[in-house]
Amino acid sequence: MPFYLILLISAVILSSCAMFGSESINTSPFDNNQPRAEYLYARAHIAGNEGDNQSALNFLREALDSDPKSAFLHFAIAEIKIKTGQVAEALEYIEKAIKIDPAYREPYVMAGAILTSSGKDKEAVGYLRTAVKLDPSKEDASLQLVISLLRLFEYEEAVSTLKQLVAKNSESALGYFYLGRTYSQMKLHREAIGYFKKTLELRPDFSQASIDMAATYEALGNYTEAIEVYRGVLDEDENRADVLQRLIQLLIQQRRYEDALEYLNLAIEAGLGGNETLRRIGLVYLELEKYDDAIRIFSGMLEKDPGAHQLRLYLGMAYEEKGDLDQAYKEFIKIPSDSSVYVDALGNISFILNGKGETGQAIQILKEAITGNPRQLEFHLNLSALYESSERNNAALSVLRDAEKFFEKEPRLHFRMGVLLDKIGKKQESIERMKRVIKLSPKDAQALNFLGYTYAEMGINLEEALKYIRQAVELRPNDGFILDSLGWVYYKLKKMDEAVKYLEEAVSLVDDDSTISEHLGDVYHARHDYKKAIKAYNNALEHDKGRKEIVDKIRRIKAEHGER
């Protein structure tokens, strides 16, 4: 029997069972007036406390010879057998104890724990149900039963067992804790939160309840609450490395980079630094546009490990973002062609050259890369983007058409082709490409939005456009550009209340895009809210100075309706 299994059973059961008189059975253990059995049991007790399990077992066997009908002694022997790893023999003695006294609760609890720990949950629940029935106010059997029931997905019985427990024992913090876990596993997260809170009312220092509650807040998408709970755990115990790493990850995901940096530095102070923590610090500095700090971190790491190409890529990016293109180029060029980040490095090299006016050299580098490895999609996409940036749209499209023979089922290729086709006025072909993207990747929010918006702009298939854009919103509900498309298609459908709702939300998310502000102005105009329309148009002009169409719209409103 594995040592961890012995420990698990011992931890769950031995602390609460009848070993050496910690709890009596229905009648006195020695009610048959067996002084010798009682004396031998006392000797076994002493030997067991001294860690001499073999002597304890010998004394118990001798006591059993004096009192062979003692369920208590059979169970005591079973406990020693568990301690020494003899599980099968322990179960035999447990069965004998149950047969002698079916109302003796402890053997059922131990049998259930042994079977649960062995993964035999279906067998365990029978014993544990009996133990709960014999005394529903005690936690051990109820909690062990719930563990097995959850593994068997028997949620209804698990809930009723726990509710019975807390009804009998309103101070059972573990009862409320497992109710929280059960409801969380059932994905009833709000109910789970309530039970975790009740657990913490009873035991404020129960850190695992706090951790589980934070994870449940995450499942609800309530990341602010989750972060605060994790912080509370760390305030109590800053050495919880698992919580610290989870909190850092969550803060980075929520783009709370300053807060993440605080805890990353705490990890360093706690001796949890390591390369991964340093790498994260460097990336956070990049996000915070603290490029000199990022350069310092990545340069220091590369001094110790010059062959870390991923770090060199980050270092080059830091120099590039800082505007030091020459130094960025020097770092990218050090990354060899057999590196896993070579594709990214080459993409950066080509765009640095393009930015310096050396577009021909950038194009040549990418052409050579394609010749050497024609099945690397990024090379084709980057070459096409270079041509597009030089307003050579037909050449950009030609690159992608040539690549299609290698990437017929690659959604990104078809998406870029669709965008280029739209740009050069081939609307119908663009639409067909986007439909192919959606067929290959039904949850591509960008393609769904692009197709829906194209229909809206063309004033055709508006109901179909609405369907596509709604799907995109479901996939990316906080994307201001997609919400703009939804508002715009409602405008085209002349549903102005819906249009203004989504366009106002879009502007709140993206307040520096002239097109979104113009769309909102158009909707206000259609609703005869001319003051708001002018304000929206002026906001659009702030981000696209002097755009004639918008200036004309403002002039017409003022001419027709005056300064409102």
Foldseek 3Di string as FASTA:
>chain_A
DDPVLLVQLCVLAVVCACQLHPDAFPDHLPVVPQVQLVVLCVVLVVCVVVVNLVSSLVSLVVSCVSVVLGLSSLQNNLNSCSNVPNNVSSLVSLVSSCVSPVLGQRSLLSVLSSCVSVVNLVVSLVSLVSSCVSPLQDDSSLVSNLSSCVVVVVLVVNLVSLVSNCVNPVLPLVSLLVNLVSCVSVVVLVSSLVSLVSSCVSPVLPLVSLQSNLVSCVSVVNNVVSLVSLVVSCVVPVLPVVSLVVSLVSCVVVVVLVVSLVSLVSCVVSVNNPPVSLQVNLVSCVSVLVLVVNLVSLVVVCVVPVLPLVSLLSNLVSCVSVVNNVVSLVSLVPHDPPDPCVLVSLLSNLVSCVVVVNNVVSLVSLVVVCVVPVLPVSSLQSNLVSCVVVVNLVVSLVSLVVSCVNCVLPLVSLQVNLVSCVVVPVNVSSLVSLVSSCVSPVQPLVSLQVNLLSCLVVLHPLVSSLVSLVSSCVSPVQALVSLLSNLSSCVSVVVLVSNLVSLVSSCVSPVQALVSLQSNLVSCVVVVVNQSSLVSLVSSCVNVPPDPVSVVVNVVCCVVPNND
